[in-house]
Amino acid sequence: MVTDHNIPLIIARIQFALTVGVHIIFPAFSIGLSVFLTFLEGMWLRTTDNRYLNLFKYWLKVFSIVFGMGVVSGIVMAYEFGTNWARFSAKAGPITGVLLSYEVMTAFFMEAGFLGVMLFGLNRVGRKMHFFATCAVTTGTLISMTWILASNSWMQTPQGYIIDPKTGHFLPKDWLAIIFNPSFPYRIIHMGLAAMLSVAFTVAAAGAWHLLKAKKNKIQADGTVRLMFSLSLWMIVATAPLQILAGDMHGLNTLKYQPAKVAAIEGDWISERRAPELLFGIPNMKTEHTDYAISVPLLGSLILTHDINGKVPGLKDYPADQRAPSPIVFFSFRIMVALGGIMLLCGLWSLWLRHRGRFFTHPLFLRVMLIMAPAGFVALLCGWVTTEVGRQPWTVYGLLRTEDSASPLALSSLSFSMLFFVVIYVFVFGSGLLMLVRLLRTAPEATDNTHDDTMILGSHHHTVSHNKEVP
């Protein structure tokens, strides 16, 4: 319920959601793209195929823009912890602050130390030294993800702490328990796969764009473009099913440690065994009922507990002031799952088209892959909404409420900063995204190499030169 008392808290939460929502796209892009760049440069060194080098140079330009926007958006978040969430910083800072400082001392220093060599040193240092720099930057992005998720996961499933009875501050007792808290292993795998899957669909969309353009102009697409498109779909084929499996394992972990979140996600109000799965509905927090429900009998228990007789929690098991807003997480979770299913189908479709020899030429498939460009990032954002909103009303789950974490700021100050943030974000990051789109509309540098396409097509039935039309 919105009152004059909690309006500043709501604005503070919206502002932080805006900054996090914008920021998370760029680190995820950087993580997935750095892995892709490492693969490309490694394959170039191994095969001397200049198509890999051309792709490396092409996506390195994208990486430089994405990495820069990620750094800028991340700095804003650090200030918000001090301005809008000072009480959280004071109470949880002895743990979360230390974890984030580890991220700066390890990941940021490694990235900063080798980023210049990676971006500008290809013709200035030896090939092996440059590849080492690329690997170092990739390692830095992965380390950064590790520390950030360790901090956030501790807020979801806190362990290894004690609470100072005088100040109420969380103090570290066991750093291994803090870092490797119960949800951390599942969340880092889920996030890492999400980053790679998101980048794979972006790369695939760029390839589809240039393949469609070549088809429209009735010319043969360059082998570099074909290689780019093929590699992205192999990544989708590999990561989409793994992501679904990781999501299922993460769900089991959430049911064990955050059952109230699961109840909100499922829109279930009464705990029961042999529970149905709600495919659609509108959870009503006032009437404590999910309206217009469409369900499948028994499937809820089977999916959530892997046991048809398993017990599924209901929101009525928890006090009203400890329930997450079910309508938000109910739909964000289902959008994420639906997109995950579509991604898997795209991967399976690509395998069928490879077998049929129409992988590079099927117009409907190419258009679908172009449309799916933002799918991974949309799914990623929906996953974070589910995770963070589903944790409410807590910042540290079950221990520190969100309303007790905010700074005592005036409504006028928050309103002005909120408006300022929206204007600046639209201008700065809108300009950055426009630069990316213009860059991706330009095809990668062509190459005269004539390598066997067996590696690209993945089938012994289609061994042809990449300068010829694929049957």
Protein backbone atom coordinates (compact mmCIF):
# COMPACT_ATOMS: atom_id res chain seq x y z
CA MET A 1 0.00 0.00 0.00
CA VAL A 2 1.39 3.38 -1.05
CA THR A 3 1.41 6.08 1.63
CA ASP A 4 3.19 9.40 2.05
CA HIS A 5 5.53 7.64 4.46
CA ASN A 6 6.84 5.04 2.01
CA ILE A 7 6.88 7.07 -1.23
CA PRO A 8 10.60 7.95 -0.79
CA LEU A 9 11.36 4.26 -0.26
CA ILE A 10 9.47 3.33 -3.42
CA ILE A 11 11.33 5.96 -5.47
CA ALA A 12 14.67 4.80 -4.03
CA ARG A 13 13.85 1.24 -5.02
CA ILE A 14 12.75 2.26 -8.53
CA GLN A 15 15.93 4.29 -8.98
CA PHE A 16 18.13 1.41 -7.91
CA ALA A 17 16.15 -0.98 -10.11
CA LEU A 18 16.75 1.36 -13.05
CA THR A 19 20.49 1.54 -12.46
CA VAL A 20 20.84 -2.19 -11.83
CA GLY A 21 18.65 -3.05 -14.83
CA VAL A 22 20.75 -0.90 -17.15
CA HIS A 23 24.06 -1.95 -15.62
CA ILE A 24 23.58 -5.71 -15.61
CA ILE A 25 23.19 -5.85 -19.39
CA PHE A 26 26.71 -4.57 -20.01
CA PRO A 27 28.66 -6.82 -17.60
CA ALA A 28 26.72 -9.81 -18.92
CA PHE A 29 27.54 -8.73 -22.47
CA SER A 30 31.21 -8.26 -21.51
CA ILE A 31 31.42 -11.67 -19.83
CA GLY A 32 29.92 -13.60 -22.73
CA LEU A 33 31.71 -11.60 -25.39
CA SER A 34 35.12 -11.90 -23.73
CA VAL A 35 34.75 -15.68 -23.72
CA PHE A 36 33.82 -15.55 -27.41
CA LEU A 37 36.80 -13.33 -28.21
CA THR A 38 39.17 -15.69 -26.39
CA PHE A 39 37.81 -18.58 -28.45
CA LEU A 40 38.17 -16.64 -31.71
CA GLU A 41 41.76 -15.59 -31.07
CA GLY A 42 42.69 -19.06 -29.87
CA MET A 43 41.26 -20.63 -33.03
CA TRP A 44 43.09 -18.09 -35.18
CA LEU A 45 46.40 -18.96 -33.52
CA ARG A 46 45.70 -22.65 -33.90
CA THR A 47 44.42 -22.68 -37.51
CA THR A 48 45.84 -19.42 -39.01
CA ASP A 49 42.38 -19.03 -40.57
CA ASN A 50 41.94 -15.28 -41.04
CA ARG A 51 38.17 -15.54 -40.72
CA TYR A 52 38.68 -15.99 -36.98
CA LEU A 53 40.96 -12.96 -36.90
CA ASN A 54 38.43 -10.85 -38.80
CA LEU A 55 35.69 -11.85 -36.38
CA PHE A 56 37.96 -11.13 -33.45
CA LYS A 57 38.64 -7.59 -34.69
CA TYR A 58 34.95 -7.06 -35.45
CA TRP A 59 33.67 -8.07 -32.04
CA LEU A 60 36.57 -6.43 -30.23
CA LYS A 61 35.14 -3.07 -31.30
CA VAL A 62 31.80 -4.06 -29.80
CA PHE A 63 33.51 -5.21 -26.62
CA SER A 64 35.28 -1.87 -26.16
CA ILE A 65 31.96 0.02 -26.27
CA VAL A 66 30.11 -2.44 -24.03
CA PHE A 67 32.92 -2.58 -21.48
CA GLY A 68 33.06 1.21 -21.25
CA MET A 69 29.31 1.54 -20.69
CA GLY A 70 29.48 -1.18 -18.05
CA VAL A 71 32.13 0.70 -16.09
CA VAL A 72 30.16 3.97 -16.23
CA SER A 73 26.88 2.40 -15.12
CA GLY A 74 28.61 0.45 -12.34
CA ILE A 75 30.14 3.56 -10.79
CA VAL A 76 26.67 5.05 -10.33
CA MET A 77 25.53 2.00 -8.37
CA ALA A 78 28.45 2.31 -5.96
CA TYR A 79 27.42 5.86 -5.09
CA GLU A 80 23.78 4.85 -4.62
CA PHE A 81 24.73 2.42 -1.87
CA GLY A 82 26.05 5.38 0.08
CA THR A 83 23.34 7.91 -0.76
CA ASN A 84 20.09 5.91 -0.89
CA TRP A 85 20.95 2.80 1.13
CA ALA A 86 23.25 4.07 3.87
CA ARG A 87 21.69 1.99 6.63
CA PHE A 88 22.13 -1.17 4.58
CA SER A 89 25.75 -0.21 3.89
CA ALA A 90 26.37 0.39 7.59
CA LYS A 91 24.81 -2.90 8.74
CA ALA A 92 25.86 -5.25 5.95
CA GLY A 93 28.97 -3.37 4.80
CA PRO A 94 31.41 -5.44 6.93
CA ILE A 95 30.49 -8.35 4.66
CA THR A 96 29.18 -7.02 1.32
CA GLY A 97 31.64 -4.12 1.25
CA VAL A 98 34.58 -6.46 1.71
CA LEU A 99 33.38 -8.79 -1.02
CA LEU A 100 32.97 -5.91 -3.47
CA SER A 101 36.41 -4.55 -2.54
CA TYR A 102 37.84 -7.97 -3.42
CA GLU A 103 36.23 -7.54 -6.84
CA VAL A 104 38.05 -4.23 -7.32
CA MET A 105 41.42 -5.53 -6.08
CA THR A 106 41.38 -8.67 -8.21
CA ALA A 107 39.10 -8.42 -11.24
CA PHE A 108 39.21 -4.68 -11.92
CA PHE A 109 42.99 -4.42 -11.61
CA MET A 110 43.45 -7.43 -13.90
CA GLU A 111 41.05 -6.04 -16.50
CA ALA A 112 42.58 -2.56 -16.34
CA GLY A 113 46.10 -3.93 -16.59
CA PHE A 114 45.53 -5.95 -19.75
CA LEU A 115 42.61 -4.19 -21.46
CA GLY A 116 44.87 -1.73 -23.28
CA VAL A 117 47.02 -4.54 -24.66
CA MET A 118 43.90 -6.41 -25.75
CA LEU A 119 42.35 -3.41 -27.50
CA PHE A 120 45.41 -1.80 -29.09
CA GLY A 121 48.27 -4.30 -28.94
CA LEU A 122 47.43 -6.78 -31.69
CA ASN A 123 50.10 -5.31 -34.00
CA ARG A 124 52.37 -4.09 -31.20
CA VAL A 125 53.08 -7.18 -29.12
CA GLY A 126 53.65 -10.82 -29.99
CA ARG A 127 50.68 -13.03 -30.81
CA LYS A 128 51.08 -15.14 -27.69
CA MET A 129 51.39 -12.07 -25.49
CA HIS A 130 48.25 -10.60 -27.00
CA PHE A 131 46.37 -13.86 -26.51
CA PHE A 132 47.53 -13.88 -22.89
CA ALA A 133 46.11 -10.36 -22.47
CA THR A 134 42.79 -11.46 -23.94
CA CYS A 135 42.68 -14.45 -21.57
CA ALA A 136 43.52 -12.14 -18.64
CA VAL A 137 40.66 -9.77 -19.46
CA THR A 138 38.29 -12.71 -19.80
CA THR A 139 39.49 -14.11 -16.48
CA GLY A 140 38.95 -10.68 -14.93
CA THR A 141 35.34 -10.52 -16.09
CA LEU A 142 34.68 -13.99 -14.67
CA ILE A 143 36.33 -13.10 -11.34
CA SER A 144 34.26 -9.92 -11.21
CA MET A 145 31.08 -11.94 -11.72
CA THR A 146 32.19 -14.32 -8.97
CA TRP A 147 32.63 -11.66 -6.29
CA ILE A 148 29.48 -9.76 -7.19
CA LEU A 149 27.37 -12.90 -7.15
CA ALA A 150 28.99 -14.02 -3.90
CA SER A 151 27.86 -10.75 -2.33
CA ASN A 152 24.37 -10.86 -3.79
CA SER A 153 23.94 -14.55 -3.04
CA TRP A 154 24.88 -13.96 0.58
CA MET A 155 22.04 -11.43 0.75
CA GLN A 156 19.72 -14.16 -0.58
CA THR A 157 20.98 -17.02 1.62
CA PRO A 158 23.07 -15.48 4.42
CA GLN A 159 25.47 -17.73 6.32
CA GLY A 160 28.80 -17.44 8.12
CA TYR A 161 27.96 -14.24 10.04
CA ILE A 162 27.22 -13.00 13.52
CA ILE A 163 25.19 -9.93 14.47
CA ASP A 164 26.72 -7.39 16.81
CA PRO A 165 24.17 -7.07 19.66
CA LYS A 166 25.03 -3.40 20.22
CA THR A 167 25.04 -2.05 16.66
CA GLY A 168 23.04 -4.67 14.75
CA HIS A 169 25.87 -4.90 12.20
CA PHE A 170 26.56 -8.15 10.36
CA LEU A 171 30.08 -9.27 11.13
CA PRO A 172 32.01 -12.03 9.33
CA LYS A 173 32.53 -15.27 11.22
CA ASP A 174 33.45 -17.72 8.44
CA TRP A 175 34.47 -16.25 5.09
CA LEU A 176 34.25 -19.58 3.26
CA ALA A 177 30.65 -19.98 4.45
CA ILE A 178 29.91 -16.39 3.42
CA ILE A 179 31.36 -16.74 -0.07
CA PHE A 180 30.16 -20.27 -0.76
CA ASN A 181 26.70 -19.71 0.67
CA PRO A 182 23.95 -22.18 -0.33
CA SER A 183 22.68 -20.32 -3.41
CA PHE A 184 26.06 -19.16 -4.76
CA PRO A 185 27.08 -22.23 -6.85
CA TYR A 186 23.71 -22.37 -8.60
CA ARG A 187 23.48 -18.65 -9.25
CA ILE A 188 26.98 -18.27 -10.68
CA ILE A 189 26.42 -21.13 -13.12
CA HIS A 190 23.00 -19.77 -14.07
CA MET A 191 24.37 -16.26 -14.59
CA GLY A 192 27.43 -17.39 -16.54
CA LEU A 193 25.32 -19.44 -18.93
CA ALA A 194 22.86 -16.54 -19.27
CA ALA A 195 25.69 -14.22 -20.30
CA MET A 196 27.00 -16.61 -22.94
CA LEU A 197 23.51 -17.40 -24.23
CA SER A 198 22.65 -13.69 -24.49
CA VAL A 199 25.80 -12.96 -26.48
CA ALA A 200 25.23 -16.01 -28.68
CA PHE A 201 21.83 -14.65 -29.76
CA THR A 202 23.32 -11.21 -30.38
CA VAL A 203 26.05 -12.70 -32.58
CA ALA A 204 23.49 -14.89 -34.34
CA ALA A 205 21.29 -11.86 -35.05
CA ALA A 206 24.22 -9.97 -36.55
CA GLY A 207 25.01 -12.96 -38.74
CA ALA A 208 21.36 -13.36 -39.75
CA TRP A 209 21.19 -9.68 -40.72
CA HIS A 210 24.14 -9.97 -43.09
CA LEU A 211 22.96 -13.30 -44.51
CA LEU A 212 19.53 -11.81 -45.27
CA LYS A 213 21.19 -8.76 -46.79
CA ALA A 214 23.30 -10.97 -49.05
CA LYS A 215 20.25 -13.00 -50.00
CA LYS A 216 18.34 -9.82 -50.86
CA ASN A 217 21.20 -8.64 -53.06
CA LYS A 218 21.42 -12.12 -54.61
CA ILE A 219 25.06 -12.58 -53.68
CA GLN A 220 26.92 -15.21 -51.73
CA ALA A 221 27.55 -14.21 -48.10
CA ASP A 222 31.22 -14.04 -47.16
CA GLY A 223 32.67 -17.02 -45.34
CA THR A 224 33.42 -14.84 -42.30
CA VAL A 225 29.74 -14.03 -41.86
CA ARG A 226 28.78 -17.66 -42.32
CA LEU A 227 31.34 -18.74 -39.74
CA MET A 228 30.06 -16.14 -37.28
CA PHE A 229 26.48 -17.32 -37.69
CA SER A 230 27.43 -20.98 -37.41
CA LEU A 231 29.54 -20.55 -34.26
CA SER A 232 26.76 -18.61 -32.52
CA LEU A 233 24.23 -21.37 -33.17
CA TRP A 234 26.62 -24.04 -31.92
CA MET A 235 26.90 -22.01 -28.73
CA ILE A 236 23.11 -21.84 -28.46
CA VAL A 237 22.81 -25.58 -29.01
CA ALA A 238 25.33 -26.20 -26.24
CA THR A 239 24.18 -23.66 -23.64
CA ALA A 240 20.37 -23.58 -23.96
CA PRO A 241 19.77 -27.09 -22.52
CA LEU A 242 22.47 -26.54 -19.89
CA GLN A 243 20.75 -23.32 -18.83
CA ILE A 244 17.42 -25.09 -18.42
CA LEU A 245 19.11 -27.77 -16.29
CA ALA A 246 20.90 -25.11 -14.20
CA GLY A 247 17.61 -23.26 -13.74
CA ASP A 248 15.95 -26.42 -12.48
CA MET A 249 18.72 -27.01 -9.94
CA HIS A 250 18.54 -23.36 -8.87
CA GLY A 251 14.79 -23.79 -8.37
CA LEU A 252 15.30 -26.74 -6.04
CA ASN A 253 17.79 -24.68 -4.04
CA THR A 254 15.37 -21.75 -3.84
CA LEU A 255 12.58 -24.03 -2.64
CA LYS A 256 14.81 -25.22 0.18
CA TYR A 257 16.13 -21.85 1.37
CA GLN A 258 13.53 -19.32 0.14
CA PRO A 259 10.18 -21.11 0.02
CA ALA A 260 8.22 -17.85 0.30
CA LYS A 261 9.84 -16.68 -2.93
CA VAL A 262 8.79 -19.90 -4.67
CA ALA A 263 5.22 -19.46 -3.44
CA ALA A 264 5.15 -15.94 -4.90
CA ILE A 265 6.63 -17.10 -8.19
CA GLU A 266 4.10 -19.91 -8.52
CA GLY A 267 1.12 -17.84 -7.39
CA ASP A 268 0.22 -20.54 -4.87
CA TRP A 269 -1.65 -19.44 -1.76
CA ILE A 270 -2.23 -22.73 0.05
CA SER A 271 0.55 -25.27 0.58
CA GLU A 272 -0.38 -28.68 -0.74
CA ARG A 273 0.94 -31.95 -2.04
CA ARG A 274 0.29 -33.11 -5.60
CA ALA A 275 0.00 -29.43 -6.48
CA PRO A 276 -0.91 -28.21 -9.98
CA GLU A 277 1.29 -25.93 -12.07
CA LEU A 278 -0.28 -22.55 -12.86
CA LEU A 279 0.46 -21.74 -16.48
CA PHE A 280 -1.41 -18.45 -16.33
CA GLY A 281 -3.26 -16.37 -13.79
CA ILE A 282 -3.31 -13.01 -12.06
CA PRO A 283 -2.28 -13.27 -8.39
CA ASN A 284 -4.44 -10.98 -6.26
CA MET A 285 -2.64 -9.86 -3.11
CA LYS A 286 -5.84 -8.41 -1.59
CA THR A 287 -8.13 -11.40 -2.01
CA GLU A 288 -5.28 -13.90 -1.54
CA HIS A 289 -6.28 -15.79 -4.65
CA THR A 290 -4.96 -16.22 -8.19
CA ASP A 291 -7.67 -15.11 -10.60
CA TYR A 292 -8.27 -16.62 -14.05
CA ALA A 293 -5.96 -19.52 -13.22
CA ILE A 294 -5.08 -22.03 -15.93
CA SER A 295 -3.31 -25.01 -14.40
CA VAL A 296 -2.02 -28.50 -15.15
CA PRO A 297 -2.78 -31.03 -12.39
CA LEU A 298 0.16 -32.54 -10.46
CA LEU A 299 2.77 -30.76 -12.58
CA GLY A 300 3.64 -28.17 -9.91
CA SER A 301 4.84 -30.76 -7.41
CA LEU A 302 6.65 -32.71 -10.11
CA ILE A 303 8.58 -29.67 -11.42
CA LEU A 304 9.32 -28.01 -8.09
CA THR A 305 10.14 -31.07 -5.99
CA HIS A 306 10.78 -33.78 -8.62
CA ASP A 307 8.18 -35.81 -6.74
CA ILE A 308 4.54 -36.02 -7.79
CA ASN A 309 3.61 -36.18 -4.10
CA GLY A 310 5.95 -33.33 -3.13
CA LYS A 311 4.69 -30.44 -1.02
CA VAL A 312 4.57 -26.98 -2.59
CA PRO A 313 4.50 -23.94 -0.25
CA GLY A 314 1.71 -21.36 -0.27
CA LEU A 315 1.83 -17.63 0.46
CA LYS A 316 -0.68 -17.99 3.30
CA ASP A 317 2.02 -19.87 5.20
CA TYR A 318 3.72 -16.50 5.77
CA PRO A 319 2.55 -13.24 7.37
CA ALA A 320 1.18 -10.69 4.91
CA ASP A 321 4.04 -8.29 5.58
CA GLN A 322 6.61 -10.96 4.64
CA ARG A 323 5.21 -11.81 1.20
CA ALA A 324 6.84 -10.75 -2.04
CA PRO A 325 4.58 -9.03 -4.62
CA SER A 326 3.43 -12.15 -6.43
CA PRO A 327 2.06 -10.54 -9.64
CA ILE A 328 5.49 -9.15 -10.58
CA VAL A 329 7.52 -12.31 -10.06
CA PHE A 330 4.73 -14.54 -11.39
CA PHE A 331 4.95 -12.95 -14.83
CA SER A 332 8.68 -12.17 -14.90
CA PHE A 333 9.45 -15.82 -14.18
CA ARG A 334 7.11 -17.07 -16.90
CA ILE A 335 8.53 -14.69 -19.48
CA MET A 336 12.01 -15.95 -18.62
CA VAL A 337 10.96 -19.60 -18.89
CA ALA A 338 9.08 -19.02 -22.16
CA LEU A 339 12.10 -17.32 -23.71
CA GLY A 340 14.32 -20.15 -22.50
CA GLY A 341 12.06 -22.65 -24.24
CA ILE A 342 12.09 -20.64 -27.47
CA MET A 343 15.90 -20.44 -27.33
CA LEU A 344 16.10 -24.22 -27.02
CA LEU A 345 13.76 -24.62 -30.00
CA CYS A 346 15.94 -22.27 -32.05
CA GLY A 347 18.94 -24.47 -31.32
CA LEU A 348 17.08 -27.64 -32.30
CA TRP A 349 15.75 -25.96 -35.44
CA SER A 350 19.31 -25.03 -36.43
CA LEU A 351 20.40 -28.67 -36.14
CA TRP A 352 17.59 -29.74 -38.43
CA LEU A 353 18.46 -27.08 -41.00
CA ARG A 354 22.15 -28.08 -40.91
CA HIS A 355 21.08 -31.63 -41.68
CA ARG A 356 18.88 -30.40 -44.54
CA GLY A 357 21.59 -28.13 -45.96
CA ARG A 358 19.51 -24.93 -45.55
CA PHE A 359 21.17 -23.54 -42.47
CA PHE A 360 22.50 -20.38 -44.15
CA THR A 361 19.61 -19.83 -46.56
CA HIS A 362 16.30 -20.57 -44.79
CA PRO A 363 14.60 -17.13 -44.80
CA LEU A 364 12.17 -17.74 -41.93
CA PHE A 365 14.90 -19.10 -39.67
CA LEU A 366 17.15 -16.13 -40.42
CA ARG A 367 14.34 -13.67 -39.64
CA VAL A 368 13.51 -15.45 -36.39
CA MET A 369 17.15 -15.30 -35.31
CA LEU A 370 17.23 -11.59 -36.14
CA ILE A 371 14.12 -10.96 -34.04
CA MET A 372 15.61 -13.00 -31.18
CA ALA A 373 18.57 -10.59 -30.84
CA PRO A 374 17.50 -9.19 -27.44
CA ALA A 375 15.91 -12.42 -26.17
CA GLY A 376 18.81 -13.44 -23.95
CA PHE A 377 19.05 -10.06 -22.27
CA VAL A 378 15.28 -9.85 -21.77
CA ALA A 379 15.33 -13.28 -20.15
CA LEU A 380 18.30 -12.22 -18.01
CA LEU A 381 16.49 -9.09 -16.80
CA CYS A 382 13.36 -11.11 -16.04
CA GLY A 383 15.48 -13.52 -14.04
CA TRP A 384 16.95 -10.70 -11.98
CA VAL A 385 13.50 -9.21 -11.39
CA THR A 386 12.33 -12.61 -10.18
CA THR A 387 15.35 -12.97 -7.90
CA GLU A 388 15.40 -9.48 -6.41
CA VAL A 389 11.67 -8.72 -6.17
CA GLY A 390 11.05 -12.26 -4.95
CA ARG A 391 13.40 -11.56 -2.03
CA GLN A 392 11.22 -8.73 -0.76
CA PRO A 393 10.51 -7.39 1.79
CA TRP A 394 14.13 -8.20 2.72
CA THR A 395 17.51 -6.90 1.61
CA VAL A 396 19.26 -9.58 3.67
CA TYR A 397 16.77 -12.42 3.48
CA GLY A 398 14.87 -12.95 6.71
CA LEU A 399 17.17 -10.60 8.66
CA LEU A 400 17.13 -7.02 7.36
CA ARG A 401 14.02 -5.47 5.85
CA THR A 402 14.19 -3.15 2.87
CA GLU A 403 12.44 -0.34 4.72
CA ASP A 404 15.12 -0.53 7.41
CA SER A 405 17.91 -0.36 4.81
CA ALA A 406 17.12 2.93 3.11
CA SER A 407 18.64 6.32 3.89
CA PRO A 408 16.37 8.96 5.47
CA LEU A 409 16.19 11.08 2.30
CA ALA A 410 13.68 13.78 1.44
CA LEU A 411 11.11 13.10 -1.27
CA SER A 412 12.20 16.20 -3.22
CA SER A 413 15.83 15.06 -3.38
CA LEU A 414 14.93 11.57 -4.56
CA SER A 415 12.45 12.89 -7.14
CA PHE A 416 15.04 15.23 -8.65
CA SER A 417 17.77 12.60 -8.79
CA MET A 418 15.32 10.09 -10.28
CA LEU A 419 14.38 12.48 -13.08
CA PHE A 420 18.03 13.35 -13.64
CA PHE A 421 18.99 9.68 -13.86
CA VAL A 422 16.29 8.89 -16.40
CA VAL A 423 17.30 11.76 -18.69
CA ILE A 424 21.02 11.00 -18.49
CA TYR A 425 20.56 7.25 -18.91
CA VAL A 426 18.34 7.66 -21.96
CA PHE A 427 20.85 10.02 -23.57
CA VAL A 428 24.13 8.29 -22.66
CA PHE A 429 23.18 4.65 -22.97
CA GLY A 430 20.76 5.29 -25.81
CA SER A 431 23.67 6.83 -27.74
CA GLY A 432 25.86 3.85 -26.87
CA LEU A 433 23.29 1.34 -28.09
CA LEU A 434 22.85 3.34 -31.28
CA MET A 435 26.61 3.11 -31.86
CA LEU A 436 26.45 -0.66 -31.37
CA VAL A 437 23.60 -1.06 -33.85
CA ARG A 438 25.42 0.99 -36.48
CA LEU A 439 28.59 -1.01 -35.92
CA LEU A 440 26.81 -4.35 -36.24
CA ARG A 441 25.08 -3.26 -39.45
CA THR A 442 28.52 -3.22 -41.05
CA ALA A 443 29.72 -6.67 -42.10
CA PRO A 444 32.98 -8.11 -40.74
CA GLU A 445 36.02 -7.73 -42.94
CA ALA A 446 35.96 -10.22 -45.79
CA THR A 447 38.75 -12.74 -46.29
CA ASP A 448 40.18 -14.57 -49.25
CA ASN A 449 40.89 -17.74 -47.26
CA THR A 450 39.31 -20.83 -48.78
CA HIS A 451 38.94 -23.29 -45.95
CA ASP A 452 36.82 -26.40 -45.90
CA ASP A 453 33.36 -25.74 -44.51
CA THR A 454 33.07 -29.16 -42.90
CA MET A 455 34.00 -27.47 -39.62
CA ILE A 456 31.28 -24.85 -40.09
CA LEU A 457 28.44 -27.11 -41.19
CA GLY A 458 29.17 -29.86 -38.69
CA SER A 459 28.11 -32.55 -41.14
CA HIS A 460 30.11 -34.81 -43.47
CA HIS A 461 27.29 -34.46 -46.01
CA HIS A 462 28.17 -30.83 -46.80
CA THR A 463 31.92 -30.53 -47.46
CA VAL A 464 32.14 -27.52 -49.78
CA SER A 465 34.23 -24.40 -50.19
CA HIS A 466 32.75 -21.44 -48.35
CA ASN A 467 32.88 -19.45 -51.61
CA LYS A 468 30.17 -21.68 -53.05
CA GLU A 469 26.48 -21.78 -52.29
CA VAL A 470 25.55 -24.35 -49.68
CA PRO A 471 23.07 -26.85 -51.13
